PDB file of N, CA and C in Angstrom:
ATOM      1  N   MET A   1      27.033 -37.822  -4.566  1.00  0.00           N
ATOM      2  CA  MET A   1      27.652 -38.930  -5.621  1.00  0.00           C
ATOM      3  C   MET A   1      27.138 -40.394  -4.652  1.00  0.00           C
ATOM      4  N   CYS A   2      27.371 -40.345  -3.544  1.00  0.00           N
ATOM      5  CA  CYS A   2      26.884 -41.612  -2.572  1.00  0.00           C
ATOM      6  C   CYS A   2      25.545 -41.801  -2.451  1.00  0.00           C
ATOM      7  N   GLU A   3      24.410 -41.010  -3.037  1.00  0.00           N
ATOM      8  CA  GLU A   3      23.340 -41.403  -2.906  1.00  0.00           C
ATOM      9  C   GLU A   3      22.916 -41.159  -4.303  1.00  0.00           C
ATOM     10  N   SER A   4      23.378 -40.973  -5.509  1.00  0.00           N
ATOM     11  CA  SER A   4      23.271 -41.032  -6.847  1.00  0.00           C
ATOM     12  C   SER A   4      22.930 -42.246  -7.306  1.00  0.00           C
ATOM     13  N   PHE A   5      23.322 -43.628  -6.554  1.00  0.00           N
ATOM     14  CA  PHE A   5      23.378 -44.699  -7.252  1.00  0.00           C
ATOM     15  C   PHE A   5      21.839 -45.321  -7.110  1.00  0.00           C
ATOM     16  N   GLY A   6      21.186 -44.917  -6.377  1.00  0.00           N
ATOM     17  CA  GLY A   6      19.595 -45.267  -6.065  1.00  0.00           C
ATOM     18  C   GLY A   6      19.175 -46.414  -5.072  1.00  0.00           C
ATOM     19  N   SER A   7      20.354 -46.403  -4.365  1.00  0.00           N
ATOM     20  CA  SER A   7      19.654 -47.479  -3.380  1.00  0.00           C
ATOM     21  C   SER A   7      19.218 -46.841  -2.127  1.00  0.00           C
ATOM     22  N   ASN A   8      18.591 -47.732  -1.676  1.00  0.00           N
ATOM     23  CA  ASN A   8      17.505 -47.666   0.011  1.00  0.00           C
ATOM     24  C   ASN A   8      18.659 -47.708   0.853  1.00  0.00           C
ATOM     25  N   ASP A   9      19.836 -48.737   0.919  1.00  0.00           N
ATOM     26  CA  ASP A   9      20.491 -49.806   1.650  1.00  0.00           C
ATOM     27  C   ASP A   9      21.603 -48.273   1.959  1.00  0.00           C
ATOM     28  N   LYS A  10      21.263 -47.340   2.976  1.00  0.00           N
ATOM     29  CA  LYS A  10      22.346 -46.681   3.363  1.00  0.00           C
ATOM     30  C   LYS A  10      23.507 -46.867   4.137  1.00  0.00           C
ATOM     31  N   THR A  11      23.490 -47.642   4.807  1.00  0.00           N
ATOM     32  CA  THR A  11      24.792 -48.717   5.187  1.00  0.00           C
ATOM     33  C   THR A  11      25.920 -48.973   4.183  1.00  0.00           C
ATOM     34  N   LYS A  12      25.140 -49.499   2.811  1.00  0.00           N
ATOM     35  CA  LYS A  12      26.029 -49.519   2.180  1.00  0.00           C
ATOM     36  C   LYS A  12      26.960 -48.339   1.778  1.00  0.00           C
ATOM     37  N   TRP A  13      25.654 -47.483   1.589  1.00  0.00           N
ATOM     38  CA  TRP A  13      26.353 -46.214   0.830  1.00  0.00           C
ATOM     39  C   TRP A  13      27.118 -45.247   1.956  1.00  0.00           C
ATOM     40  N   ILE A  14      26.846 -45.245   3.012  1.00  0.00           N
ATOM     41  CA  ILE A  14      27.794 -44.367   3.937  1.00  0.00           C
ATOM     42  C   ILE A  14      29.677 -45.343   4.346  1.00  0.00           C
ATOM     43  N   THR A  15      29.422 -46.547   3.688  1.00  0.00           N
ATOM     44  CA  THR A  15      30.715 -47.358   4.029  1.00  0.00           C
ATOM     45  C   THR A  15      31.350 -46.937   2.626  1.00  0.00           C
ATOM     46  N   LEU A  16      30.524 -46.505   1.482  1.00  0.00           N
ATOM     47  CA  LEU A  16      31.343 -46.274  -0.068  1.00  0.00           C
ATOM     48  C   LEU A  16      31.614 -44.929   0.354  1.00  0.00           C
ATOM     49  N   CYS A  17      30.994 -43.749   1.249  1.00  0.00           N
ATOM     50  CA  CYS A  17      31.309 -42.695   1.583  1.00  0.00           C
ATOM     51  C   CYS A  17      32.827 -42.584   2.051  1.00  0.00           C
ATOM     52  N   LYS A  18      32.635 -43.419   3.274  1.00  0.00           N
ATOM     53  CA  LYS A  18      34.288 -43.364   4.163  1.00  0.00           C
ATOM     54  C   LYS A  18      34.999 -44.185   3.579  1.00  0.00           C
ATOM     55  N   ALA A  19      35.049 -44.903   2.379  1.00  0.00           N
ATOM     56  CA  ALA A  19      36.184 -45.494   1.646  1.00  0.00           C
ATOM     57  C   ALA A  19      36.918 -44.078   0.758  1.00  0.00           C
ATOM     58  N   ILE A  20      35.705 -43.629   0.022  1.00  0.00           N
ATOM     59  CA  ILE A  20      36.165 -42.658  -1.245  1.00  0.00           C
ATOM     60  C   ILE A  20      36.864 -41.585   0.031  1.00  0.00           C
ATOM     61  N   THR A  21      36.446 -40.907   1.052  1.00  0.00           N
ATOM     62  CA  THR A  21      37.443 -39.957   2.179  1.00  0.00           C
ATOM     63  C   THR A  21      38.770 -40.426   2.199  1.00  0.00           C
ATOM     64  N   GLN A  22      38.507 -41.488   2.417  1.00  0.00           N
ATOM     65  CA  GLN A  22      39.994 -42.395   2.720  1.00  0.00           C
ATOM     66  C   GLN A  22      41.130 -42.265   1.742  1.00  0.00           C
ATOM     67  N   TRP A  23      40.435 -42.023   0.443  1.00  0.00           N
ATOM     68  CA  TRP A  23      41.839 -41.364  -0.565  1.00  0.00           C
ATOM     69  C   TRP A  23      42.294 -40.227  -0.140  1.00  0.00           C
ATOM     70  N   ASN A  24      42.225 -39.762   0.625  1.00  0.00           N
ATOM     71  CA  ASN A  24      42.963 -38.357   0.896  1.00  0.00           C
ATOM     72  C   ASN A  24      44.414 -38.805   1.019  1.00  0.00           C
ATOM     73  N   THR A  25      44.653 -39.859   1.324  1.00  0.00           N
ATOM     74  CA  THR A  25      46.151 -40.223   1.794  1.00  0.00           C
ATOM     75  C   THR A  25      46.961 -41.260   0.568  1.00  0.00           C
ATOM     76  N   ALA A  26      45.819 -41.117  -0.690  1.00  0.00           N
ATOM     77  CA  ALA A  26      46.609 -41.517  -1.979  1.00  0.00           C
ATOM     78  C   ALA A  26      48.014 -40.715  -2.463  1.00  0.00           C
ATOM     79  N   LYS A  27      48.532 -41.332  -3.230  1.00  0.00           N
ATOM     80  CA  LYS A  27      50.116 -40.716  -3.712  1.00  0.00           C
ATOM     81  C   LYS A  27      49.562 -40.340  -4.849  1.00  0.00           C
ATOM     82  N   ASN A  28      48.492 -40.829  -5.651  1.00  0.00           N
ATOM     83  CA  ASN A  28      48.290 -40.008  -6.770  1.00  0.00           C
ATOM     84  C   ASN A  28      47.252 -38.873  -6.636  1.00  0.00           C
ATOM     85  N   VAL A  29      47.665 -37.483  -6.920  1.00  0.00           N
ATOM     86  CA  VAL A  29      46.953 -36.461  -6.325  1.00  0.00           C
ATOM     87  C   VAL A  29      45.306 -36.081  -6.813  1.00  0.00           C
ATOM     88  N   TRP A  30      45.094 -36.968  -8.057  1.00  0.00           N
ATOM     89  CA  TRP A  30      43.868 -36.696  -8.386  1.00  0.00           C
ATOM     90  C   TRP A  30      42.779 -37.653  -7.803  1.00  0.00           C
ATOM     91  N   GLN A  31      43.564 -38.745  -6.996  1.00  0.00           N
ATOM     92  CA  GLN A  31      42.542 -39.308  -6.497  1.00  0.00           C
ATOM     93  C   GLN A  31      42.425 -39.131  -4.886  1.00  0.00           C
ATOM     94  N   ALA A  32      43.416 -38.333  -4.261  1.00  0.00           N
ATOM     95  CA  ALA A  32      43.226 -37.746  -3.029  1.00  0.00           C
ATOM     96  C   ALA A  32      42.141 -36.820  -3.429  1.00  0.00           C
ATOM     97  N   ARG A  33      42.480 -35.945  -4.292  1.00  0.00           N
ATOM     98  CA  ARG A  33      41.220 -34.700  -4.668  1.00  0.00           C
ATOM     99  C   ARG A  33      40.069 -35.172  -4.675  1.00  0.00           C
ATOM    100  N   CYS A  34      39.895 -36.449  -5.434  1.00  0.00           N
ATOM    101  CA  CYS A  34      38.393 -36.863  -5.352  1.00  0.00           C
ATOM    102  C   CYS A  34      37.633 -37.140  -3.814  1.00  0.00           C
ATOM    103  N   SER A  35      39.004 -37.261  -3.021  1.00  0.00           N
ATOM    104  CA  SER A  35      38.405 -37.617  -1.591  1.00  0.00           C
ATOM    105  C   SER A  35      37.346 -36.260  -1.115  1.00  0.00           C
ATOM    106  N   VAL A  36      37.332 -35.151  -1.540  1.00  0.00           N
ATOM    107  CA  VAL A  36      36.428 -34.311  -1.126  1.00  0.00           C
ATOM    108  C   VAL A  36      35.471 -34.030  -2.183  1.00  0.00           C
ATOM    109  N   VAL A  37      36.430 -33.604  -3.587  1.00  0.00           N
ATOM    110  CA  VAL A  37      35.210 -33.313  -4.625  1.00  0.00           C
ATOM    111  C   VAL A  37      34.513 -34.184  -4.961  1.00  0.00           C
ATOM    112  N   ALA A  38      34.207 -35.429  -4.444  1.00  0.00           N
ATOM    113  CA  ALA A  38      33.220 -36.141  -4.743  1.00  0.00           C
ATOM    114  C   ALA A  38      31.927 -35.731  -4.179  1.00  0.00           C
ATOM    115  N   PHE A  39      31.986 -34.826  -2.951  1.00  0.00           N
ATOM    116  CA  PHE A  39      31.363 -34.591  -2.550  1.00  0.00           C
ATOM    117  C   PHE A  39      30.304 -33.214  -2.655  1.00  0.00           C
ATOM    118  N   ALA A  40      31.010 -32.756  -3.838  1.00  0.00           N
ATOM    119  CA  ALA A  40      30.649 -31.212  -4.468  1.00  0.00           C
ATOM    120  C   ALA A  40      28.890 -31.221  -4.350  1.00  0.00           C
ATOM    121  N   ASN A  41      28.366 -32.177  -4.992  1.00  0.00           N
ATOM    122  CA  ASN A  41      27.002 -31.931  -5.033  1.00  0.00           C
ATOM    123  C   ASN A  41      25.846 -32.210  -4.068  1.00  0.00           C
ATOM    124  N   LEU A  42      26.447 -32.637  -2.687  1.00  0.00           N
ATOM    125  CA  LEU A  42      25.901 -32.984  -1.676  1.00  0.00           C
ATOM    126  C   LEU A  42      25.595 -31.531  -0.957  1.00  0.00           C
ATOM    127  N   ALA A  43      26.510 -30.823  -1.063  1.00  0.00           N
ATOM    128  CA  ALA A  43      26.749 -29.396  -0.260  1.00  0.00           C
ATOM    129  C   ALA A  43      25.358 -28.600   0.235  1.00  0.00           C
ATOM    130  N   LYS A  44      24.179 -28.776  -0.730  1.00  0.00           N
ATOM    131  CA  LYS A  44      23.255 -28.122  -0.290  1.00  0.00           C
ATOM    132  C   LYS A  44      22.399 -28.904   0.460  1.00  0.00           C
ATOM    133  N   GLU A  45      22.836 -30.342   0.669  1.00  0.00           N
ATOM    134  CA  GLU A  45      21.857 -31.027   1.721  1.00  0.00           C
ATOM    135  C   GLU A  45      22.734 -31.264   2.769  1.00  0.00           C
ATOM    136  N   ASN A  46      23.590 -30.607   3.266  1.00  0.00           N
ATOM    137  CA  ASN A  46      25.003 -30.837   4.412  1.00  0.00           C
ATOM    138  C   ASN A  46      24.611 -32.053   4.549  1.00  0.00           C
ATOM    139  N   LYS A  47      25.331 -32.770   3.674  1.00  0.00           N
ATOM    140  CA  LYS A  47      25.821 -34.317   4.395  1.00  0.00           C
ATOM    141  C   LYS A  47      26.967 -34.285   4.249  1.00  0.00           C
ATOM    142  N   TYR A  48      26.997 -35.630   4.711  1.00  0.00           N
ATOM    143  CA  TYR A  48      28.479 -36.456   4.995  1.00  0.00           C
ATOM    144  C   TYR A  48      29.802 -34.933   5.774  1.00  0.00           C
ATOM    145  N   THR A  49      29.242 -34.375   6.078  1.00  0.00           N
ATOM    146  CA  THR A  49      30.378 -33.515   6.963  1.00  0.00           C
ATOM    147  C   THR A  49      31.372 -33.289   7.717  1.00  0.00           C
ATOM    148  N   SER A  50      30.912 -34.134   8.417  1.00  0.00           N
ATOM    149  CA  SER A  50      32.377 -34.525   9.296  1.00  0.00           C
ATOM    150  C   SER A  50      33.310 -35.431   8.446  1.00  0.00           C
ATOM    151  N   LEU A  51      32.999 -36.705   7.452  1.00  0.00           N
ATOM    152  CA  LEU A  51      33.734 -37.056   6.975  1.00  0.00           C
ATOM    153  C   LEU A  51      34.662 -36.436   5.944  1.00  0.00           C
ATOM    154  N   LEU A  52      33.866 -35.261   5.577  1.00  0.00           N
ATOM    155  CA  LEU A  52      34.341 -34.150   4.784  1.00  0.00           C
ATOM    156  C   LEU A  52      35.587 -33.097   5.323  1.00  0.00           C
ATOM    157  N   LEU A  53      35.253 -32.576   6.492  1.00  0.00           N
ATOM    158  CA  LEU A  53      35.977 -31.938   7.247  1.00  0.00           C
ATOM    159  C   LEU A  53      37.213 -33.009   7.677  1.00  0.00           C
ATOM    160  N   GLU A  54      37.357 -34.030   8.126  1.00  0.00           N
ATOM    161  CA  GLU A  54      38.085 -35.162   8.129  1.00  0.00           C
ATOM    162  C   GLU A  54      39.025 -35.097   7.148  1.00  0.00           C
ATOM    163  N   SER A  55      38.794 -35.511   5.956  1.00  0.00           N
ATOM    164  CA  SER A  55      39.285 -35.543   4.428  1.00  0.00           C
ATOM    165  C   SER A  55      40.171 -34.295   4.298  1.00  0.00           C
ATOM    166  N   SER A  56      39.323 -33.450   4.515  1.00  0.00           N
ATOM    167  CA  SER A  56      39.986 -32.064   3.949  1.00  0.00           C
ATOM    168  C   SER A  56      41.057 -31.549   5.063  1.00  0.00           C
ATOM    169  N   LYS A  57      40.924 -31.695   6.065  1.00  0.00           N
ATOM    170  CA  LYS A  57      42.315 -31.578   7.436  1.00  0.00           C
ATOM    171  C   LYS A  57      43.530 -32.257   6.681  1.00  0.00           C
ATOM    172  N   LYS A  58      43.143 -33.931   5.971  1.00  0.00           N
ATOM    173  CA  LYS A  58      44.366 -34.429   5.624  1.00  0.00           C
ATOM    174  C   LYS A  58      44.835 -34.100   4.641  1.00  0.00           C
ATOM    175  N   LEU A  59      43.754 -33.726   3.540  1.00  0.00           N
ATOM    176  CA  LEU A  59      44.454 -33.318   2.198  1.00  0.00           C
ATOM    177  C   LEU A  59      44.788 -31.842   1.829  1.00  0.00           C
ATOM    178  N   ILE A  60      44.759 -30.831   3.200  1.00  0.00           N
ATOM    179  CA  ILE A  60      45.150 -29.581   3.116  1.00  0.00           C
ATOM    180  C   ILE A  60      46.453 -29.637   2.804  1.00  0.00           C
ATOM    181  N   LYS A  61      47.120 -30.962   3.837  1.00  0.00           N
ATOM    182  CA  LYS A  61      48.439 -30.846   3.956  1.00  0.00           C
ATOM    183  C   LYS A  61      49.370 -31.215   2.740  1.00  0.00           C
ATOM    184  N   LYS A  62      49.029 -31.908   1.990  1.00  0.00           N
ATOM    185  CA  LYS A  62      49.396 -32.168   0.831  1.00  0.00           C
ATOM    186  C   LYS A  62      50.193 -30.994   0.163  1.00  0.00           C
ATOM    187  N   GLU A  63      51.486 -30.849  -0.402  1.00  0.00           N
ATOM    188  CA  GLU A  63      52.229 -30.096  -1.303  1.00  0.00           C
ATOM    189  C   GLU A  63      51.618 -29.713  -2.429  1.00  0.00           C
ATOM    190  N   GLU A  64      50.512 -30.211  -3.086  1.00  0.00           N
ATOM    191  CA  GLU A  64      50.155 -30.361  -4.470  1.00  0.00           C
ATOM    192  C   GLU A  64      49.269 -29.029  -4.906  1.00  0.00           C
ATOM    193  N   LEU A  65      49.477 -28.013  -5.201  1.00  0.00           N
ATOM    194  CA  LEU A  65      48.454 -26.996  -5.734  1.00  0.00           C
ATOM    195  C   LEU A  65      46.769 -27.750  -5.739  1.00  0.00           C
ATOM    196  N   PHE A  66      46.934 -28.924  -6.661  1.00  0.00           N
ATOM    197  CA  PHE A  66      45.070 -29.346  -6.847  1.00  0.00           C
ATOM    198  C   PHE A  66      44.521 -29.688  -5.620  1.00  0.00           C
ATOM    199  N   ALA A  67      45.332 -30.217  -4.639  1.00  0.00           N
ATOM    200  CA  ALA A  67      44.848 -30.627  -3.492  1.00  0.00           C
ATOM    201  C   ALA A  67      44.291 -29.819  -2.682  1.00  0.00           C
ATOM    202  N   LYS A  68      45.326 -28.712  -2.636  1.00  0.00           N
ATOM    203  CA  LYS A  68      44.739 -27.487  -1.941  1.00  0.00           C
ATOM    204  C   LYS A  68      43.627 -26.932  -2.383  1.00  0.00           C
ATOM    205  N   THR A  69      43.241 -26.776  -3.647  1.00  0.00           N
ATOM    206  CA  THR A  69      42.366 -26.313  -4.289  1.00  0.00           C
ATOM    207  C   THR A  69      41.143 -26.712  -4.252  1.00  0.00           C
ATOM    208  N   ALA A  70      41.244 -28.261  -4.094  1.00  0.00           N
ATOM    209  CA  ALA A  70      39.815 -29.129  -4.184  1.00  0.00           C
ATOM    210  C   ALA A  70      39.383 -28.441  -2.413  1.00  0.00           C
ATOM    211  N   VAL A  71      40.409 -28.475  -1.690  1.00  0.00           N
ATOM    212  CA  VAL A  71      39.876 -28.351  -0.450  1.00  0.00           C
ATOM    213  C   VAL A  71      39.342 -26.736  -0.288  1.00  0.00           C
ATOM    214  N   GLY A  72      40.119 -25.938  -0.953  1.00  0.00           N
ATOM    215  CA  GLY A  72      39.388 -24.272  -1.011  1.00  0.00           C
ATOM    216  C   GLY A  72      37.805 -24.495  -1.501  1.00  0.00           C
ATOM    217  N   TRP A  73      37.653 -25.397  -2.787  1.00  0.00           N
ATOM    218  CA  TRP A  73      36.879 -25.387  -3.572  1.00  0.00           C
ATOM    219  C   TRP A  73      35.428 -26.153  -2.765  1.00  0.00           C
ATOM    220  N   ILE A  74      35.810 -26.878  -2.130  1.00  0.00           N
ATOM    221  CA  ILE A  74      34.728 -27.871  -1.354  1.00  0.00           C
ATOM    222  C   ILE A  74      34.426 -26.968  -0.384  1.00  0.00           C
ATOM    223  N   LEU A  75      34.835 -26.176   0.288  1.00  0.00           N
ATOM    224  CA  LEU A  75      35.045 -25.433   1.681  1.00  0.00           C
ATOM    225  C   LEU A  75      34.043 -24.304   1.316  1.00  0.00           C
ATOM    226  N   ARG A  76      34.275 -23.595   0.206  1.00  0.00           N
ATOM    227  CA  ARG A  76      33.298 -22.651  -0.613  1.00  0.00           C
ATOM    228  C   ARG A  76      32.143 -23.085  -0.754  1.00  0.00           C
ATOM    229  N   LYS A  77      31.762 -24.401  -1.298  1.00  0.00           N
ATOM    230  CA  LYS A  77      30.392 -25.137  -2.009  1.00  0.00           C
ATOM    231  C   LYS A  77      29.863 -25.128  -0.917  1.00  0.00           C
ATOM    232  N   TYR A  78      30.285 -25.741   0.768  1.00  0.00           N
ATOM    233  CA  TYR A  78      29.905 -26.152   1.780  1.00  0.00           C
ATOM    234  C   TYR A  78      29.575 -24.568   2.815  1.00  0.00           C
ATOM    235  N   GLN A  79      30.063 -23.359   2.488  1.00  0.00           N
ATOM    236  CA  GLN A  79      29.993 -22.478   3.151  1.00  0.00           C
ATOM    237  C   GLN A  79      28.886 -22.149   4.207  1.00  0.00           C
ATOM    238  N   LYS A  80      27.477 -22.263   3.172  1.00  0.00           N
ATOM    239  CA  LYS A  80      26.263 -21.608   3.600  1.00  0.00           C
ATOM    240  C   LYS A  80      25.735 -22.874   4.547  1.00  0.00           C
ATOM    241  N   PRO A  81      25.803 -23.933   4.131  1.00  0.00           N
ATOM    242  CA  PRO A  81      25.154 -25.272   5.189  1.00  0.00           C
ATOM    243  C   PRO A  81      25.856 -25.714   6.547  1.00  0.00           C
ATOM    244  N   MET A  82      27.434 -25.438   6.434  1.00  0.00           N
ATOM    245  CA  MET A  82      28.080 -25.505   7.502  1.00  0.00           C
ATOM    246  C   MET A  82      28.574 -24.582   7.732  1.00  0.00           C
ATOM    247  N   LYS A  83      27.762 -23.192   8.073  1.00  0.00           N
ATOM    248  CA  LYS A  83      28.256 -21.653   8.440  1.00  0.00           C
ATOM    249  C   LYS A  83      28.501 -21.995   9.824  1.00  0.00           C
ATOM    250  N   LYS A  84      28.052 -22.772  11.081  1.00  0.00           N
ATOM    251  CA  LYS A  84      28.458 -22.878  12.003  1.00  0.00           C
ATOM    252  C   LYS A  84      29.542 -23.497  12.390  1.00  0.00           C
ATOM    253  N   LEU A  85      30.119 -24.460  11.337  1.00  0.00           N
ATOM    254  CA  LEU A  85      31.056 -25.014  11.742  1.00  0.00           C
ATOM    255  C   LEU A  85      32.834 -24.385  11.080  1.00  0.00           C
ATOM    256  N   LEU A  86      32.119 -23.381  10.322  1.00  0.00           N
ATOM    257  CA  LEU A  86      33.495 -23.313   9.371  1.00  0.00           C
ATOM    258  C   LEU A  86      33.400 -21.310  10.251  1.00  0.00           C
TER     259      LEU A  86
END
């Protein structure tokens, strides 16, 4: 998602990605869920894994089922690229 905007300014997009991952503490479960789901298409590229893992650690602690399923889905998508980390 963060690189789909077509800009060469990587600093700008890293800042945006960090902002998105901070949504993991949002009260709205759908916004919190987006803190990891937004990165699903980047799984094959193995990008932003540290941001994703930190966000997932916080999101998995939420009570809502859809927050937990988002983490499971993302970890499954990143399974091959992050084999050493998982």
